[in-house]
Amino acid sequence: MMDYRAVIIASCWLAVAVISSVYMWVFGGFIGDIMFGVFLPIGLLILVAIIVTFGLTSRFEPVEKREAEYSSDLKDIRSKLDAITKEIEQIKKEIEK
């Protein structure tokens, strides 16, 4: 299963590509000043996409780290459950005597 952060990042870059292409196609010939009329808005879109990309990837911990913590927690629970099961067996033996 794909991580939701990867889906957000991919959709953000896809949206930037589509919006930039349409913007250049529609307004590229009509706007006289190419620098501020075309490249600046597209550059700002790319900057937003870069901020989203690095913001999402650096803010969250990796999935593998969480899974390792969960597996160690499960091992702790399993060992405690085994200890409780042994105590219950000992109590049953003493009750039967």
PDB file of N, CA and C in Angstrom:
ATOM      1  N   MET A   1       0.841  -1.178   0.000  1.00  0.00           N
ATOM      2  CA  MET A   1       0.000   0.000   0.000  1.00  0.00           C
ATOM      3  C   MET A   1       0.886   1.240   0.000  1.00  0.00           C
ATOM      4  N   MET A   2       0.513   2.207  -0.790  1.00  0.00           N
ATOM      5  CA  MET A   2       1.296   3.425  -0.911  1.00  0.00           C
ATOM      6  C   MET A   2       1.045   4.338   0.282  1.00  0.00           C
ATOM      7  N   ASP A   3       2.102   4.937   0.767  1.00  0.00           N
ATOM      8  CA  ASP A   3       2.003   5.836   1.898  1.00  0.00           C
ATOM      9  C   ASP A   3       1.227   7.093   1.501  1.00  0.00           C
ATOM     10  N   TYR A   4       0.411   7.595   2.403  1.00  0.00           N
ATOM     11  CA  TYR A   4      -0.421   8.752   2.064  1.00  0.00           C
ATOM     12  C   TYR A   4       0.424   9.992   1.793  1.00  0.00           C
ATOM     13  N   ARG A   5       1.596  10.093   2.417  1.00  0.00           N
ATOM     14  CA  ARG A   5       2.459  11.247   2.157  1.00  0.00           C
ATOM     15  C   ARG A   5       2.957  11.241   0.723  1.00  0.00           C
ATOM     16  N   ALA A   6       3.266  10.068   0.203  1.00  0.00           N
ATOM     17  CA  ALA A   6       3.724   9.966  -1.184  1.00  0.00           C
ATOM     18  C   ALA A   6       2.616  10.367  -2.149  1.00  0.00           C
ATOM     19  N   VAL A   7       1.391  10.018  -1.819  1.00  0.00           N
ATOM     20  CA  VAL A   7       0.255  10.398  -2.664  1.00  0.00           C
ATOM     21  C   VAL A   7       0.071  11.913  -2.653  1.00  0.00           C
ATOM     22  N   ILE A   8       0.200  12.529  -1.489  1.00  0.00           N
ATOM     23  CA  ILE A   8       0.058  13.980  -1.392  1.00  0.00           C
ATOM     24  C   ILE A   8       1.145  14.677  -2.194  1.00  0.00           C
ATOM     25  N   ILE A   9       2.380  14.217  -2.065  1.00  0.00           N
ATOM     26  CA  ILE A   9       3.499  14.837  -2.776  1.00  0.00           C
ATOM     27  C   ILE A   9       3.344  14.661  -4.285  1.00  0.00           C
ATOM     28  N   ALA A  10       2.996  13.459  -4.716  1.00  0.00           N
ATOM     29  CA  ALA A  10       2.830  13.215  -6.155  1.00  0.00           C
ATOM     30  C   ALA A  10       1.691  14.048  -6.736  1.00  0.00           C
ATOM     31  N   SER A  11       0.590  14.139  -6.014  1.00  0.00           N
ATOM     32  CA  SER A  11      -0.535  14.937  -6.519  1.00  0.00           C
ATOM     33  C   SER A  11      -0.199  16.421  -6.531  1.00  0.00           C
ATOM     34  N   CYS A  12       0.598  16.878  -5.586  1.00  0.00           N
ATOM     35  CA  CYS A  12       1.020  18.280  -5.566  1.00  0.00           C
ATOM     36  C   CYS A  12       1.875  18.602  -6.792  1.00  0.00           C
ATOM     37  N   TRP A  13       2.840  17.726  -7.101  1.00  0.00           N
ATOM     38  CA  TRP A  13       3.690  17.974  -8.267  1.00  0.00           C
ATOM     39  C   TRP A  13       2.914  17.832  -9.570  1.00  0.00           C
ATOM     40  N   LEU A  14       1.966  16.925  -9.625  1.00  0.00           N
ATOM     41  CA  LEU A  14       1.122  16.792 -10.814  1.00  0.00           C
ATOM     42  C   LEU A  14       0.280  18.049 -11.020  1.00  0.00           C
ATOM     43  N   ALA A  15      -0.268  18.576  -9.936  1.00  0.00           N
ATOM     44  CA  ALA A  15      -1.061  19.797 -10.031  1.00  0.00           C
ATOM     45  C   ALA A  15      -0.196  20.975 -10.484  1.00  0.00           C
ATOM     46  N   VAL A  16       1.026  21.067  -9.969  1.00  0.00           N
ATOM     47  CA  VAL A  16       1.930  22.146 -10.388  1.00  0.00           C
ATOM     48  C   VAL A  16       2.242  22.018 -11.875  1.00  0.00           C
ATOM     49  N   ALA A  17       2.475  20.812 -12.350  1.00  0.00           N
ATOM     50  CA  ALA A  17       2.777  20.615 -13.768  1.00  0.00           C
ATOM     51  C   ALA A  17       1.594  21.006 -14.650  1.00  0.00           C
ATOM     52  N   VAL A  18       0.402  20.607 -14.270  1.00  0.00           N
ATOM     53  CA  VAL A  18      -0.791  20.917 -15.063  1.00  0.00           C
ATOM     54  C   VAL A  18      -1.077  22.417 -15.039  1.00  0.00           C
ATOM     55  N   ILE A  19      -1.055  23.017 -13.858  1.00  0.00           N
ATOM     56  CA  ILE A  19      -1.339  24.448 -13.752  1.00  0.00           C
ATOM     57  C   ILE A  19      -0.299  25.262 -14.514  1.00  0.00           C
ATOM     58  N   SER A  20       0.977  24.888 -14.385  1.00  0.00           N
ATOM     59  CA  SER A  20       2.037  25.615 -15.095  1.00  0.00           C
ATOM     60  C   SER A  20       1.887  25.490 -16.602  1.00  0.00           C
ATOM     61  N   SER A  21       1.580  24.304 -17.072  1.00  0.00           N
ATOM     62  CA  SER A  21       1.417  24.110 -18.518  1.00  0.00           C
ATOM     63  C   SER A  21       0.255  24.931 -19.067  1.00  0.00           C
ATOM     64  N   VAL A  22      -0.871  24.883 -18.383  1.00  0.00           N
ATOM     65  CA  VAL A  22      -2.035  25.639 -18.830  1.00  0.00           C
ATOM     66  C   VAL A  22      -1.750  27.139 -18.745  1.00  0.00           C
ATOM     67  N   TYR A  23      -1.097  27.563 -17.680  1.00  0.00           N
ATOM     68  CA  TYR A  23      -0.792  28.987 -17.514  1.00  0.00           C
ATOM     69  C   TYR A  23       0.133  29.488 -18.617  1.00  0.00           C
ATOM     70  N   MET A  24       1.169  28.710 -18.931  1.00  0.00           N
ATOM     71  CA  MET A  24       2.086  29.124 -19.995  1.00  0.00           C
ATOM     72  C   MET A  24       1.387  29.101 -21.356  1.00  0.00           C
ATOM     73  N   TRP A  25       0.538  28.144 -21.583  1.00  0.00           N
ATOM     74  CA  TRP A  25      -0.153  28.019 -22.869  1.00  0.00           C
ATOM     75  C   TRP A  25      -1.144  29.172 -23.072  1.00  0.00           C
ATOM     76  N   VAL A  26      -1.887  29.494 -22.000  1.00  0.00           N
ATOM     77  CA  VAL A  26      -2.920  30.518 -22.114  1.00  0.00           C
ATOM     78  C   VAL A  26      -2.323  31.928 -22.038  1.00  0.00           C
ATOM     79  N   PHE A  27      -1.495  32.187 -21.030  1.00  0.00           N
ATOM     80  CA  PHE A  27      -1.043  33.552 -20.781  1.00  0.00           C
ATOM     81  C   PHE A  27       0.346  33.857 -21.336  1.00  0.00           C
ATOM     82  N   GLY A  28       1.056  32.887 -21.823  1.00  0.00           N
ATOM     83  CA  GLY A  28       2.410  33.108 -22.315  1.00  0.00           C
ATOM     84  C   GLY A  28       2.485  34.087 -23.466  1.00  0.00           C
ATOM     85  N   GLY A  29       1.555  34.038 -24.385  1.00  0.00           N
ATOM     86  CA  GLY A  29       1.566  34.930 -25.530  1.00  0.00           C
ATOM     87  C   GLY A  29       0.933  36.280 -25.266  1.00  0.00           C
ATOM     88  N   PHE A  30       0.055  36.373 -24.248  1.00  0.00           N
ATOM     89  CA  PHE A  30      -0.670  37.608 -23.993  1.00  0.00           C
ATOM     90  C   PHE A  30       0.058  38.563 -23.063  1.00  0.00           C
ATOM     91  N   ILE A  31       0.852  38.031 -22.184  1.00  0.00           N
ATOM     92  CA  ILE A  31       1.541  38.871 -21.205  1.00  0.00           C
ATOM     93  C   ILE A  31       2.850  39.338 -21.812  1.00  0.00           C
ATOM     94  N   GLY A  32       3.074  40.643 -21.779  1.00  0.00           N
ATOM     95  CA  GLY A  32       4.270  41.196 -22.408  1.00  0.00           C
ATOM     96  C   GLY A  32       5.522  40.917 -21.618  1.00  0.00           C
ATOM     97  N   ASP A  33       5.449  40.995 -20.306  1.00  0.00           N
ATOM     98  CA  ASP A  33       6.628  40.792 -19.468  1.00  0.00           C
ATOM     99  C   ASP A  33       6.726  39.321 -19.087  1.00  0.00           C
ATOM    100  N   ILE A  34       7.627  38.619 -19.745  1.00  0.00           N
ATOM    101  CA  ILE A  34       7.754  37.178 -19.529  1.00  0.00           C
ATOM    102  C   ILE A  34       8.268  36.869 -18.124  1.00  0.00           C
ATOM    103  N   MET A  35       9.201  37.683 -17.625  1.00  0.00           N
ATOM    104  CA  MET A  35       9.811  37.377 -16.331  1.00  0.00           C
ATOM    105  C   MET A  35       8.775  37.404 -15.207  1.00  0.00           C
ATOM    106  N   PHE A  36       8.075  38.501 -15.052  1.00  0.00           N
ATOM    107  CA  PHE A  36       7.138  38.629 -13.947  1.00  0.00           C
ATOM    108  C   PHE A  36       5.753  38.101 -14.284  1.00  0.00           C
ATOM    109  N   GLY A  37       5.439  37.969 -15.534  1.00  0.00           N
ATOM    110  CA  GLY A  37       4.109  37.525 -15.919  1.00  0.00           C
ATOM    111  C   GLY A  37       3.965  36.026 -16.012  1.00  0.00           C
ATOM    112  N   VAL A  38       5.051  35.329 -16.359  1.00  0.00           N
ATOM    113  CA  VAL A  38       4.961  33.886 -16.543  1.00  0.00           C
ATOM    114  C   VAL A  38       5.864  33.139 -15.562  1.00  0.00           C
ATOM    115  N   PHE A  39       7.135  33.491 -15.539  1.00  0.00           N
ATOM    116  CA  PHE A  39       8.084  32.714 -14.746  1.00  0.00           C
ATOM    117  C   PHE A  39       7.919  32.909 -13.241  1.00  0.00           C
ATOM    118  N   LEU A  40       7.536  34.090 -12.813  1.00  0.00           N
ATOM    119  CA  LEU A  40       7.362  34.329 -11.383  1.00  0.00           C
ATOM    120  C   LEU A  40       6.211  33.506 -10.798  1.00  0.00           C
ATOM    121  N   PRO A  41       5.007  33.510 -11.394  1.00  0.00           N
ATOM    122  CA  PRO A  41       3.941  32.664 -10.825  1.00  0.00           C
ATOM    123  C   PRO A  41       4.270  31.170 -10.870  1.00  0.00           C
ATOM    124  N   ILE A  42       4.904  30.735 -11.938  1.00  0.00           N
ATOM    125  CA  ILE A  42       5.271  29.317 -12.035  1.00  0.00           C
ATOM    126  C   ILE A  42       6.363  28.992 -11.019  1.00  0.00           C
ATOM    127  N   GLY A  43       7.295  29.904 -10.854  1.00  0.00           N
ATOM    128  CA  GLY A  43       8.336  29.712  -9.840  1.00  0.00           C
ATOM    129  C   GLY A  43       7.761  29.635  -8.444  1.00  0.00           C
ATOM    130  N   LEU A  44       6.740  30.448  -8.163  1.00  0.00           N
ATOM    131  CA  LEU A  44       6.092  30.387  -6.854  1.00  0.00           C
ATOM    132  C   LEU A  44       5.355  29.058  -6.660  1.00  0.00           C
ATOM    133  N   LEU A  45       4.732  28.559  -7.720  1.00  0.00           N
ATOM    134  CA  LEU A  45       4.078  27.244  -7.627  1.00  0.00           C
ATOM    135  C   LEU A  45       5.098  26.147  -7.330  1.00  0.00           C
ATOM    136  N   ILE A  46       6.235  26.209  -8.004  1.00  0.00           N
ATOM    137  CA  ILE A  46       7.287  25.206  -7.771  1.00  0.00           C
ATOM    138  C   ILE A  46       7.834  25.335  -6.354  1.00  0.00           C
ATOM    139  N   LEU A  47       7.975  26.565  -5.864  1.00  0.00           N
ATOM    140  CA  LEU A  47       8.433  26.774  -4.490  1.00  0.00           C
ATOM    141  C   LEU A  47       7.451  26.166  -3.489  1.00  0.00           C
ATOM    142  N   VAL A  48       6.163  26.348  -3.721  1.00  0.00           N
ATOM    143  CA  VAL A  48       5.153  25.743  -2.842  1.00  0.00           C
ATOM    144  C   VAL A  48       5.257  24.218  -2.884  1.00  0.00           C
ATOM    145  N   ALA A  49       5.455  23.654  -4.072  1.00  0.00           N
ATOM    146  CA  ALA A  49       5.577  22.199  -4.184  1.00  0.00           C
ATOM    147  C   ALA A  49       6.823  21.693  -3.459  1.00  0.00           C
ATOM    148  N   ILE A  50       7.915  22.428  -3.537  1.00  0.00           N
ATOM    149  CA  ILE A  50       9.134  22.029  -2.823  1.00  0.00           C
ATOM    150  C   ILE A  50       8.914  22.104  -1.316  1.00  0.00           C
ATOM    151  N   ILE A  51       8.249  23.157  -0.857  1.00  0.00           N
ATOM    152  CA  ILE A  51       7.961  23.281   0.575  1.00  0.00           C
ATOM    153  C   ILE A  51       7.073  22.138   1.049  1.00  0.00           C
ATOM    154  N   VAL A  52       6.060  21.788   0.266  1.00  0.00           N
ATOM    155  CA  VAL A  52       5.187  20.661   0.632  1.00  0.00           C
ATOM    156  C   VAL A  52       5.979  19.363   0.667  1.00  0.00           C
ATOM    157  N   THR A  53       6.843  19.168  -0.329  1.00  0.00           N
ATOM    158  CA  THR A  53       7.622  17.925  -0.398  1.00  0.00           C
ATOM    159  C   THR A  53       8.520  17.766   0.814  1.00  0.00           C
ATOM    160  N   PHE A  54       9.329  18.774   1.111  1.00  0.00           N
ATOM    161  CA  PHE A  54      10.256  18.651   2.227  1.00  0.00           C
ATOM    162  C   PHE A  54       9.561  18.794   3.573  1.00  0.00           C
ATOM    163  N   GLY A  55       8.462  19.522   3.604  1.00  0.00           N
ATOM    164  CA  GLY A  55       7.708  19.631   4.849  1.00  0.00           C
ATOM    165  C   GLY A  55       7.077  18.316   5.262  1.00  0.00           C
ATOM    166  N   LEU A  56       6.540  17.591   4.308  1.00  0.00           N
ATOM    167  CA  LEU A  56       5.908  16.307   4.625  1.00  0.00           C
ATOM    168  C   LEU A  56       6.932  15.217   4.914  1.00  0.00           C
ATOM    169  N   THR A  57       8.047  15.217   4.200  1.00  0.00           N
ATOM    170  CA  THR A  57       9.019  14.142   4.399  1.00  0.00           C
ATOM    171  C   THR A  57       9.831  14.316   5.659  1.00  0.00           C
ATOM    172  N   SER A  58      10.044  15.546   6.116  1.00  0.00           N
ATOM    173  CA  SER A  58      10.882  15.735   7.297  1.00  0.00           C
ATOM    174  C   SER A  58      10.097  15.760   8.594  1.00  0.00           C
ATOM    175  N   ARG A  59       8.801  15.965   8.513  1.00  0.00           N
ATOM    176  CA  ARG A  59       8.011  16.108   9.728  1.00  0.00           C
ATOM    177  C   ARG A  59       7.646  14.774  10.374  1.00  0.00           C
ATOM    178  N   PHE A  60       7.486  13.736   9.602  1.00  0.00           N
ATOM    179  CA  PHE A  60       7.009  12.464  10.126  1.00  0.00           C
ATOM    180  C   PHE A  60       8.151  11.473  10.234  1.00  0.00           C
ATOM    181  N   GLU A  61       8.028  10.574  11.204  1.00  0.00           N
ATOM    182  CA  GLU A  61       9.028   9.528  11.350  1.00  0.00           C
ATOM    183  C   GLU A  61       8.756   8.416  10.341  1.00  0.00           C
ATOM    184  N   PRO A  62       9.782   7.683   9.967  1.00  0.00           N
ATOM    185  CA  PRO A  62       9.580   6.615   8.982  1.00  0.00           C
ATOM    186  C   PRO A  62       8.658   5.521   9.512  1.00  0.00           C
ATOM    187  N   VAL A  63       7.987   4.868   8.584  1.00  0.00           N
ATOM    188  CA  VAL A  63       7.056   3.804   8.937  1.00  0.00           C
ATOM    189  C   VAL A  63       7.796   2.621   9.563  1.00  0.00           C
ATOM    190  N   GLU A  64       9.007   2.341   9.077  1.00  0.00           N
ATOM    191  CA  GLU A  64       9.767   1.205   9.595  1.00  0.00           C
ATOM    192  C   GLU A  64      10.089   1.388  11.076  1.00  0.00           C
ATOM    193  N   LYS A  65      10.352   2.628  11.477  1.00  0.00           N
ATOM    194  CA  LYS A  65      10.664   2.897  12.878  1.00  0.00           C
ATOM    195  C   LYS A  65       9.453   2.614  13.754  1.00  0.00           C
ATOM    196  N   ARG A  66       8.280   3.043  13.289  1.00  0.00           N
ATOM    197  CA  ARG A  66       7.060   2.774  14.053  1.00  0.00           C
ATOM    198  C   ARG A  66       6.782   1.281  14.119  1.00  0.00           C
ATOM    199  N   GLU A  67       6.992   0.572  13.010  1.00  0.00           N
ATOM    200  CA  GLU A  67       6.745  -0.866  13.002  1.00  0.00           C
ATOM    201  C   GLU A  67       7.703  -1.584  13.942  1.00  0.00           C
ATOM    202  N   ALA A  68       8.954  -1.134  14.008  1.00  0.00           N
ATOM    203  CA  ALA A  68       9.909  -1.742  14.929  1.00  0.00           C
ATOM    204  C   ALA A  68       9.478  -1.510  16.371  1.00  0.00           C
ATOM    205  N   GLU A  69       8.978  -0.314  16.676  1.00  0.00           N
ATOM    206  CA  GLU A  69       8.483  -0.050  18.023  1.00  0.00           C
ATOM    207  C   GLU A  69       7.287  -0.923  18.344  1.00  0.00           C
ATOM    208  N   TYR A  70       6.390  -1.082  17.384  1.00  0.00           N
ATOM    209  CA  TYR A  70       5.210  -1.914  17.608  1.00  0.00           C
ATOM    210  C   TYR A  70       5.597  -3.368  17.836  1.00  0.00           C
ATOM    211  N   SER A  71       6.559  -3.869  17.065  1.00  0.00           N
ATOM    212  CA  SER A  71       6.953  -5.266  17.245  1.00  0.00           C
ATOM    213  C   SER A  71       7.631  -5.472  18.589  1.00  0.00           C
ATOM    214  N   SER A  72       8.429  -4.502  19.046  1.00  0.00           N
ATOM    215  CA  SER A  72       9.047  -4.646  20.366  1.00  0.00           C
ATOM    216  C   SER A  72       7.991  -4.564  21.461  1.00  0.00           C
ATOM    217  N   ASP A  73       6.985  -3.711  21.272  1.00  0.00           N
ATOM    218  CA  ASP A  73       5.889  -3.649  22.239  1.00  0.00           C
ATOM    219  C   ASP A  73       5.118  -4.965  22.274  1.00  0.00           C
ATOM    220  N   LEU A  74       4.891  -5.562  21.108  1.00  0.00           N
ATOM    221  CA  LEU A  74       4.191  -6.847  21.064  1.00  0.00           C
ATOM    222  C   LEU A  74       4.999  -7.945  21.746  1.00  0.00           C
ATOM    223  N   LYS A  75       6.314  -7.915  21.581  1.00  0.00           N
ATOM    224  CA  LYS A  75       7.153  -8.911  22.257  1.00  0.00           C
ATOM    225  C   LYS A  75       7.080  -8.747  23.766  1.00  0.00           C
ATOM    226  N   ASP A  76       7.068  -7.497  24.247  1.00  0.00           N
ATOM    227  CA  ASP A  76       6.935  -7.252  25.683  1.00  0.00           C
ATOM    228  C   ASP A  76       5.598  -7.761  26.199  1.00  0.00           C
ATOM    229  N   ILE A  77       4.546  -7.494  25.463  1.00  0.00           N
ATOM    230  CA  ILE A  77       3.215  -7.950  25.868  1.00  0.00           C
ATOM    231  C   ILE A  77       3.158  -9.474  25.877  1.00  0.00           C
ATOM    232  N   ARG A  78       3.768 -10.087  24.853  1.00  0.00           N
ATOM    233  CA  ARG A  78       3.763 -11.543  24.772  1.00  0.00           C
ATOM    234  C   ARG A  78       4.525 -12.168  25.942  1.00  0.00           C
ATOM    235  N   SER A  79       5.675 -11.593  26.333  1.00  0.00           N
ATOM    236  CA  SER A  79       6.440 -12.142  27.452  1.00  0.00           C
ATOM    237  C   SER A  79       5.680 -11.959  28.765  1.00  0.00           C
ATOM    238  N   LYS A  80       5.009 -10.835  28.944  1.00  0.00           N
ATOM    239  CA  LYS A  80       4.210 -10.626  30.150  1.00  0.00           C
ATOM    240  C   LYS A  80       3.021 -11.575  30.185  1.00  0.00           C
ATOM    241  N   LEU A  81       2.435 -11.826  29.036  1.00  0.00           N
ATOM    242  CA  LEU A  81       1.319 -12.759  28.966  1.00  0.00           C
ATOM    243  C   LEU A  81       1.773 -14.176  29.298  1.00  0.00           C
ATOM    244  N   ASP A  82       2.963 -14.542  28.826  1.00  0.00           N
ATOM    245  CA  ASP A  82       3.510 -15.859  29.176  1.00  0.00           C
ATOM    246  C   ASP A  82       3.751 -15.978  30.674  1.00  0.00           C
ATOM    247  N   ALA A  83       4.253 -14.918  31.301  1.00  0.00           N
ATOM    248  CA  ALA A  83       4.480 -14.941  32.749  1.00  0.00           C
ATOM    249  C   ALA A  83       3.161 -15.077  33.498  1.00  0.00           C
ATOM    250  N   ILE A  84       2.139 -14.380  33.057  1.00  0.00           N
ATOM    251  CA  ILE A  84       0.824 -14.474  33.702  1.00  0.00           C
ATOM    252  C   ILE A  84       0.237 -15.866  33.507  1.00  0.00           C
ATOM    253  N   THR A  85       0.423 -16.440  32.321  1.00  0.00           N
ATOM    254  CA  THR A  85      -0.076 -17.794  32.065  1.00  0.00           C
ATOM    255  C   THR A  85       0.600 -18.802  32.988  1.00  0.00           C
ATOM    256  N   LYS A  86       1.888 -18.679  33.219  1.00  0.00           N
ATOM    257  CA  LYS A  86       2.601 -19.582  34.133  1.00  0.00           C
ATOM    258  C   LYS A  86       2.089 -19.431  35.562  1.00  0.00           C
ATOM    259  N   GLU A  87       1.843 -18.207  35.986  1.00  0.00           N
ATOM    260  CA  GLU A  87       1.308 -17.991  37.327  1.00  0.00           C
ATOM    261  C   GLU A  87      -0.087 -18.596  37.465  1.00  0.00           C
ATOM    262  N   ILE A  88      -0.891 -18.483  36.433  1.00  0.00           N
ATOM    263  CA  ILE A  88      -2.236 -19.074  36.472  1.00  0.00           C
ATOM    264  C   ILE A  88      -2.143 -20.593  36.566  1.00  0.00           C
ATOM    265  N   GLU A  89      -1.232 -21.196  35.838  1.00  0.00           N
ATOM    266  CA  GLU A  89      -1.044 -22.652  35.909  1.00  0.00           C
ATOM    267  C   GLU A  89      -0.606 -23.077  37.302  1.00  0.00           C
ATOM    268  N   GLN A  90       0.275 -22.304  37.914  1.00  0.00           N
ATOM    269  CA  GLN A  90       0.705 -22.631  39.278  1.00  0.00           C
ATOM    270  C   GLN A  90      -0.455 -22.520  40.255  1.00  0.00           C
ATOM    271  N   ILE A  91      -1.284 -21.524  40.097  1.00  0.00           N
ATOM    272  CA  ILE A  91      -2.447 -21.353  40.984  1.00  0.00           C
ATOM    273  C   ILE A  91      -3.421 -22.509  40.777  1.00  0.00           C
ATOM    274  N   LYS A  92      -3.628 -22.948  39.551  1.00  0.00           N
ATOM    275  CA  LYS A  92      -4.512 -24.089  39.277  1.00  0.00           C
ATOM    276  C   LYS A  92      -4.000 -25.351  39.936  1.00  0.00           C
ATOM    277  N   LYS A  93      -2.687 -25.581  39.885  1.00  0.00           N
ATOM    278  CA  LYS A  93      -2.094 -26.778  40.491  1.00  0.00           C
ATOM    279  C   LYS A  93      -2.282 -26.750  42.006  1.00  0.00           C
ATOM    280  N   GLU A  94      -2.122 -25.580  42.616  1.00  0.00           N
ATOM    281  CA  GLU A  94      -2.276 -25.499  44.062  1.00  0.00           C
ATOM    282  C   GLU A  94      -3.735 -25.661  44.466  1.00  0.00           C
ATOM    283  N   ILE A  95      -4.649 -25.197  43.646  1.00  0.00           N
ATOM    284  CA  ILE A  95      -6.070 -25.364  43.955  1.00  0.00           C
ATOM    285  C   ILE A  95      -6.449 -26.834  43.851  1.00  0.00           C
ATOM    286  N   GLU A  96      -5.895 -27.574  42.888  1.00  0.00           N
ATOM    287  CA  GLU A  96      -6.228 -28.982  42.714  1.00  0.00           C
ATOM    288  C   GLU A  96      -5.690 -29.845  43.860  1.00  0.00           C
ATOM    289  N   LYS A  97      -4.680 -29.409  44.549  1.00  0.00           N
ATOM    290  CA  LYS A  97      -4.093 -30.217  45.639  1.00  0.00           C
ATOM    291  C   LYS A  97      -4.963 -30.291  46.811  1.00  0.00           C
TER     292      LYS A  97
END
